[in-house]
Amino acid sequence: MLNVFLAVFWAITGVCIYMLIERERPRPNLITPYPLTTLTAVLAVYNVIRWWAIRLSGRGVGSRSDWRRPPTRRPGDDVITPDPNFNFTDQPPAPKASEVPPASPGANGSGDGERK
């Protein structure tokens, strides 16, 4: 697909260079009277030939569908179970009765601040 894009890019660039620069001023003393336009035409044809060769060889669009990602582990690797202390997906266990902090007194310190 990249080769098609590049072929179209060079073809459009060549046409623009011809229309804007080289149309009124050909250079008859050179091998080609339009050197920049000829260069872009050669690059466009080169990319079309590369695209065509890739399509014929079968490495084109359908080749990625056969490809499989290699496994992340080798078959001989041992599976190590993770440490359960680092499992943060479960809820933390409820605190024991001996670990419960004492109830805090009310706003005035008497403990009756909540009751009315």
N, C-alpha and C. Protein backbone atom coordinates (compact mmCIF):
# COMPACT_ATOMS: atom_id res chain seq x y z
N MET A 1 0.82 -1.19 0.00
CA MET A 1 0.00 0.00 0.00
C MET A 1 0.86 1.26 0.00
N LEU A 2 2.02 1.17 0.67
CA LEU A 2 2.93 2.31 0.71
C LEU A 2 3.44 2.62 -0.69
N ASN A 3 3.72 1.59 -1.48
CA ASN A 3 4.22 1.82 -2.83
C ASN A 3 3.18 2.51 -3.71
N VAL A 4 1.92 2.16 -3.53
CA VAL A 4 0.86 2.83 -4.30
C VAL A 4 0.78 4.30 -3.89
N PHE A 5 0.84 4.55 -2.60
CA PHE A 5 0.81 5.93 -2.12
C PHE A 5 1.97 6.73 -2.70
N LEU A 6 3.19 6.15 -2.65
CA LEU A 6 4.35 6.85 -3.17
C LEU A 6 4.26 7.08 -4.68
N ALA A 7 3.72 6.10 -5.40
CA ALA A 7 3.57 6.27 -6.85
C ALA A 7 2.61 7.42 -7.17
N VAL A 8 1.50 7.47 -6.45
CA VAL A 8 0.54 8.57 -6.67
C VAL A 8 1.17 9.90 -6.25
N PHE A 9 1.88 9.91 -5.14
CA PHE A 9 2.53 11.13 -4.68
C PHE A 9 3.51 11.65 -5.72
N TRP A 10 4.38 10.78 -6.25
CA TRP A 10 5.37 11.24 -7.23
C TRP A 10 4.71 11.64 -8.54
N ALA A 11 3.62 10.97 -8.92
CA ALA A 11 2.93 11.36 -10.14
C ALA A 11 2.30 12.76 -10.00
N ILE A 12 1.65 13.01 -8.88
CA ILE A 12 1.05 14.33 -8.65
C ILE A 12 2.13 15.40 -8.55
N THR A 13 3.23 15.08 -7.87
CA THR A 13 4.33 16.03 -7.76
C THR A 13 4.91 16.35 -9.14
N GLY A 14 5.08 15.34 -9.96
CA GLY A 14 5.60 15.55 -11.31
C GLY A 14 4.68 16.41 -12.16
N VAL A 15 3.39 16.17 -12.06
CA VAL A 15 2.44 16.99 -12.83
C VAL A 15 2.47 18.44 -12.34
N CYS A 16 2.54 18.62 -11.03
CA CYS A 16 2.59 20.00 -10.50
C CYS A 16 3.88 20.71 -10.91
N ILE A 17 4.99 20.01 -10.86
CA ILE A 17 6.26 20.64 -11.28
C ILE A 17 6.21 20.99 -12.76
N TYR A 18 5.65 20.10 -13.56
CA TYR A 18 5.56 20.39 -14.99
C TYR A 18 4.66 21.60 -15.24
N MET A 19 3.51 21.62 -14.59
CA MET A 19 2.55 22.70 -14.84
C MET A 19 3.05 24.05 -14.30
N LEU A 20 3.73 24.06 -13.18
CA LEU A 20 4.13 25.31 -12.56
C LEU A 20 5.50 25.81 -12.99
N ILE A 21 6.43 24.93 -13.30
CA ILE A 21 7.81 25.36 -13.53
C ILE A 21 8.30 25.05 -14.94
N GLU A 22 8.22 23.80 -15.35
CA GLU A 22 8.95 23.36 -16.53
C GLU A 22 8.18 23.48 -17.84
N ARG A 23 6.91 23.80 -17.80
CA ARG A 23 6.13 23.85 -19.03
C ARG A 23 6.60 24.98 -19.94
N GLU A 24 6.86 26.14 -19.38
CA GLU A 24 7.25 27.28 -20.21
C GLU A 24 8.73 27.32 -20.51
N ARG A 25 9.54 26.60 -19.74
CA ARG A 25 10.99 26.69 -19.92
C ARG A 25 11.62 25.31 -20.09
N PRO A 26 11.46 24.66 -21.21
CA PRO A 26 12.16 23.39 -21.41
C PRO A 26 13.66 23.65 -21.59
N ARG A 27 14.46 22.68 -21.22
CA ARG A 27 15.92 22.83 -21.34
C ARG A 27 16.41 21.89 -22.44
N PRO A 28 16.55 22.39 -23.66
CA PRO A 28 16.91 21.50 -24.78
C PRO A 28 18.36 21.04 -24.75
N ASN A 29 19.23 21.64 -23.96
CA ASN A 29 20.63 21.23 -23.94
C ASN A 29 20.90 20.02 -23.05
N LEU A 30 19.92 19.55 -22.30
CA LEU A 30 20.07 18.39 -21.43
C LEU A 30 19.59 17.13 -22.15
N ILE A 31 19.81 15.98 -21.51
CA ILE A 31 19.34 14.70 -22.09
C ILE A 31 17.82 14.71 -22.18
N THR A 32 17.20 15.18 -21.15
CA THR A 32 15.74 15.31 -21.16
C THR A 32 15.41 16.79 -20.97
N PRO A 33 14.46 17.31 -21.71
CA PRO A 33 14.16 18.74 -21.57
C PRO A 33 13.46 19.10 -20.26
N TYR A 34 12.91 18.11 -19.58
CA TYR A 34 12.20 18.36 -18.31
C TYR A 34 12.81 17.47 -17.23
N PRO A 35 13.92 17.86 -16.60
CA PRO A 35 14.63 16.94 -15.69
C PRO A 35 13.85 16.62 -14.40
N LEU A 36 13.21 17.58 -13.76
CA LEU A 36 12.48 17.30 -12.52
C LEU A 36 11.24 16.46 -12.79
N THR A 37 10.54 16.76 -13.85
CA THR A 37 9.37 15.98 -14.20
C THR A 37 9.76 14.56 -14.56
N THR A 38 10.89 14.39 -15.26
CA THR A 38 11.36 13.05 -15.61
C THR A 38 11.75 12.27 -14.35
N LEU A 39 12.41 12.93 -13.42
CA LEU A 39 12.79 12.27 -12.17
C LEU A 39 11.57 11.78 -11.40
N THR A 40 10.55 12.62 -11.29
CA THR A 40 9.35 12.20 -10.57
C THR A 40 8.61 11.09 -11.32
N ALA A 41 8.64 11.12 -12.64
CA ALA A 41 8.01 10.04 -13.41
C ALA A 41 8.75 8.72 -13.20
N VAL A 42 10.08 8.77 -13.15
CA VAL A 42 10.86 7.55 -12.90
C VAL A 42 10.54 7.00 -11.51
N LEU A 43 10.45 7.87 -10.51
CA LEU A 43 10.12 7.42 -9.16
C LEU A 43 8.71 6.83 -9.09
N ALA A 44 7.77 7.43 -9.80
CA ALA A 44 6.41 6.90 -9.82
C ALA A 44 6.37 5.52 -10.47
N VAL A 45 7.05 5.37 -11.60
CA VAL A 45 7.08 4.08 -12.29
C VAL A 45 7.78 3.03 -11.42
N TYR A 46 8.86 3.41 -10.77
CA TYR A 46 9.58 2.50 -9.87
C TYR A 46 8.66 1.97 -8.78
N ASN A 47 7.87 2.85 -8.16
CA ASN A 47 6.97 2.42 -7.09
C ASN A 47 5.83 1.56 -7.62
N VAL A 48 5.35 1.83 -8.82
CA VAL A 48 4.32 0.98 -9.41
C VAL A 48 4.89 -0.41 -9.67
N ILE A 49 6.13 -0.49 -10.17
CA ILE A 49 6.75 -1.80 -10.42
C ILE A 49 6.95 -2.56 -9.11
N ARG A 50 7.38 -1.89 -8.07
CA ARG A 50 7.54 -2.55 -6.76
C ARG A 50 6.21 -3.06 -6.25
N TRP A 51 5.16 -2.25 -6.36
CA TRP A 51 3.84 -2.68 -5.91
C TRP A 51 3.37 -3.90 -6.71
N TRP A 52 3.58 -3.87 -8.02
CA TRP A 52 3.17 -4.97 -8.88
C TRP A 52 3.95 -6.24 -8.53
N ALA A 53 5.26 -6.12 -8.27
CA ALA A 53 6.08 -7.29 -7.93
C ALA A 53 5.66 -7.89 -6.58
N ILE A 54 5.32 -7.04 -5.63
CA ILE A 54 4.87 -7.54 -4.33
C ILE A 54 3.54 -8.26 -4.48
N ARG A 55 2.65 -7.73 -5.29
CA ARG A 55 1.36 -8.39 -5.51
C ARG A 55 1.55 -9.76 -6.17
N LEU A 56 2.48 -9.86 -7.13
CA LEU A 56 2.71 -11.13 -7.81
C LEU A 56 3.38 -12.15 -6.90
N SER A 57 4.24 -11.72 -6.02
CA SER A 57 4.95 -12.66 -5.15
C SER A 57 4.07 -13.20 -4.03
N GLY A 58 2.93 -12.60 -3.79
CA GLY A 58 2.04 -13.08 -2.74
C GLY A 58 2.34 -12.52 -1.37
N ARG A 59 3.26 -11.58 -1.26
CA ARG A 59 3.58 -10.97 0.02
C ARG A 59 2.72 -9.75 0.28
N GLY A 60 1.72 -9.55 -0.51
CA GLY A 60 0.92 -8.33 -0.45
C GLY A 60 -0.06 -8.31 0.70
N VAL A 61 -1.29 -7.97 0.42
CA VAL A 61 -2.30 -7.70 1.43
C VAL A 61 -2.61 -8.91 2.29
N GLY A 62 -2.73 -10.09 1.71
CA GLY A 62 -3.15 -11.26 2.47
C GLY A 62 -2.07 -11.92 3.30
N SER A 63 -0.85 -11.49 3.21
CA SER A 63 0.23 -12.18 3.91
C SER A 63 0.17 -11.99 5.42
N ARG A 64 -0.40 -10.91 5.91
CA ARG A 64 -0.47 -10.69 7.36
C ARG A 64 -1.50 -11.60 8.01
N SER A 65 -2.47 -12.11 7.29
CA SER A 65 -3.48 -12.97 7.90
C SER A 65 -2.90 -14.33 8.30
N ASP A 66 -1.82 -14.78 7.65
CA ASP A 66 -1.21 -16.06 7.99
C ASP A 66 -0.29 -15.94 9.19
N TRP A 67 0.15 -14.76 9.47
CA TRP A 67 1.16 -14.55 10.49
C TRP A 67 0.58 -14.74 11.87
N ARG A 68 1.30 -15.47 12.73
CA ARG A 68 0.89 -15.65 14.11
C ARG A 68 1.94 -15.06 15.02
N ARG A 69 1.50 -14.42 16.06
CA ARG A 69 2.43 -13.86 17.05
C ARG A 69 3.09 -15.02 17.79
N PRO A 70 4.40 -14.97 17.97
CA PRO A 70 5.05 -16.04 18.74
C PRO A 70 4.60 -16.00 20.18
N PRO A 71 4.62 -17.14 20.85
CA PRO A 71 4.16 -17.14 22.25
C PRO A 71 5.08 -16.29 23.13
N THR A 72 4.49 -15.72 24.16
CA THR A 72 5.29 -14.87 25.05
C THR A 72 6.16 -15.70 25.98
N ARG A 73 5.76 -16.94 26.23
CA ARG A 73 6.57 -17.84 27.03
C ARG A 73 7.01 -19.01 26.16
N ARG A 74 8.17 -19.50 26.45
CA ARG A 74 8.62 -20.69 25.77
C ARG A 74 7.91 -21.89 26.36
N PRO A 75 7.76 -22.96 25.60
CA PRO A 75 7.03 -24.12 26.13
C PRO A 75 7.66 -24.71 27.39
N GLY A 76 8.96 -24.61 27.60
CA GLY A 76 9.60 -25.20 28.76
C GLY A 76 9.58 -24.33 29.99
N ASP A 77 9.14 -23.10 29.88
CA ASP A 77 9.13 -22.20 31.03
C ASP A 77 8.12 -22.67 32.07
N ASP A 78 8.54 -22.58 33.34
CA ASP A 78 7.62 -22.93 34.42
C ASP A 78 6.71 -21.76 34.71
N VAL A 79 5.46 -22.08 35.04
CA VAL A 79 4.52 -21.04 35.41
C VAL A 79 4.66 -20.82 36.91
N ILE A 80 5.00 -19.62 37.29
CA ILE A 80 5.19 -19.29 38.70
C ILE A 80 3.92 -18.63 39.20
N THR A 81 3.40 -19.17 40.29
CA THR A 81 2.20 -18.55 40.86
C THR A 81 2.59 -17.27 41.57
N PRO A 82 1.83 -16.23 41.39
CA PRO A 82 2.17 -14.96 42.03
C PRO A 82 1.95 -15.01 43.53
N ASP A 83 2.64 -14.15 44.25
CA ASP A 83 2.51 -14.05 45.69
C ASP A 83 1.11 -13.52 46.02
N PRO A 84 0.35 -14.20 46.86
CA PRO A 84 -1.01 -13.72 47.17
C PRO A 84 -1.03 -12.40 47.94
N ASN A 85 0.08 -12.01 48.56
CA ASN A 85 0.12 -10.73 49.27
C ASN A 85 0.02 -9.55 48.31
N PHE A 86 0.35 -9.77 47.02
CA PHE A 86 0.31 -8.69 46.05
C PHE A 86 -0.93 -8.75 45.18
N ASN A 87 -1.94 -9.49 45.59
CA ASN A 87 -3.20 -9.56 44.86
C ASN A 87 -4.11 -8.47 45.39
N PHE A 88 -4.26 -7.40 44.62
CA PHE A 88 -5.05 -6.26 45.06
C PHE A 88 -6.46 -6.27 44.49
N THR A 89 -6.88 -7.35 43.89
CA THR A 89 -8.21 -7.39 43.29
C THR A 89 -9.29 -7.73 44.30
N ASP A 90 -8.96 -8.45 45.36
CA ASP A 90 -9.96 -8.83 46.36
C ASP A 90 -10.10 -7.73 47.41
N GLN A 91 -11.21 -7.76 48.11
CA GLN A 91 -11.42 -6.82 49.21
C GLN A 91 -10.49 -7.19 50.36
N PRO A 92 -9.99 -6.21 51.10
CA PRO A 92 -9.13 -6.55 52.24
C PRO A 92 -9.94 -7.28 53.31
N PRO A 93 -9.31 -8.14 54.05
CA PRO A 93 -10.06 -8.89 55.07
C PRO A 93 -10.55 -7.95 56.18
N ALA A 94 -11.67 -8.35 56.80
CA ALA A 94 -12.23 -7.54 57.89
C ALA A 94 -11.29 -7.60 59.09
N PRO A 95 -11.12 -6.49 59.80
CA PRO A 95 -10.22 -6.50 60.96
C PRO A 95 -10.78 -7.38 62.07
N LYS A 96 -9.90 -7.95 62.85
CA LYS A 96 -10.31 -8.80 63.97
C LYS A 96 -10.85 -7.92 65.10
N ALA A 97 -11.58 -8.53 65.99
CA ALA A 97 -12.19 -7.78 67.10
C ALA A 97 -11.12 -7.15 67.99
N SER A 98 -10.00 -7.78 68.12
CA SER A 98 -8.95 -7.21 68.97
C SER A 98 -8.26 -6.02 68.30
N GLU A 99 -8.39 -5.90 66.96
CA GLU A 99 -7.75 -4.81 66.25
C GLU A 99 -8.65 -3.61 66.02
N VAL A 100 -9.93 -3.69 66.39
CA VAL A 100 -10.87 -2.60 66.17
C VAL A 100 -10.52 -1.45 67.10
N PRO A 101 -10.33 -0.24 66.59
CA PRO A 101 -10.03 0.89 67.46
C PRO A 101 -11.25 1.26 68.29
N PRO A 102 -11.03 1.83 69.46
CA PRO A 102 -12.18 2.22 70.30
C PRO A 102 -12.99 3.31 69.61
N ALA A 103 -14.29 3.35 69.94
CA ALA A 103 -15.17 4.35 69.34
C ALA A 103 -14.74 5.73 69.80
N SER A 104 -14.72 6.64 68.88
CA SER A 104 -14.31 7.99 69.24
C SER A 104 -15.43 8.69 69.97
N PRO A 105 -15.12 9.49 70.96
CA PRO A 105 -16.18 10.22 71.69
C PRO A 105 -16.82 11.28 70.81
N GLY A 106 -17.89 11.81 71.21
CA GLY A 106 -18.62 12.82 70.45
C GLY A 106 -17.83 14.11 70.31
N ALA A 107 -18.43 15.14 69.77
CA ALA A 107 -17.77 16.40 69.53
C ALA A 107 -17.34 17.09 70.82
N ASN A 108 -18.14 16.94 71.88
CA ASN A 108 -17.79 17.63 73.13
C ASN A 108 -16.97 16.72 74.07
N GLY A 109 -16.68 15.52 73.67
CA GLY A 109 -15.85 14.65 74.48
C GLY A 109 -16.63 13.83 75.47
N SER A 110 -17.94 14.06 75.63
CA SER A 110 -18.70 13.32 76.63
C SER A 110 -19.25 12.01 76.07
N GLY A 111 -19.29 11.86 74.78
CA GLY A 111 -19.85 10.66 74.20
C GLY A 111 -21.34 10.79 73.95
N ASP A 112 -21.99 11.87 74.44
CA ASP A 112 -23.42 12.03 74.24
C ASP A 112 -23.74 12.94 73.07
N GLY A 113 -22.75 13.36 72.32
CA GLY A 113 -22.95 14.33 71.26
C GLY A 113 -23.80 13.80 70.12
N GLU A 114 -23.77 12.52 69.91
CA GLU A 114 -24.54 11.94 68.80
C GLU A 114 -25.97 11.66 69.18
N ARG A 115 -26.24 11.42 70.45
CA ARG A 115 -27.59 11.06 70.86
C ARG A 115 -28.41 12.29 71.16
N LYS A 116 -29.63 12.33 70.68
CA LYS A 116 -30.57 13.42 71.00
C LYS A 116 -31.97 12.95 71.00
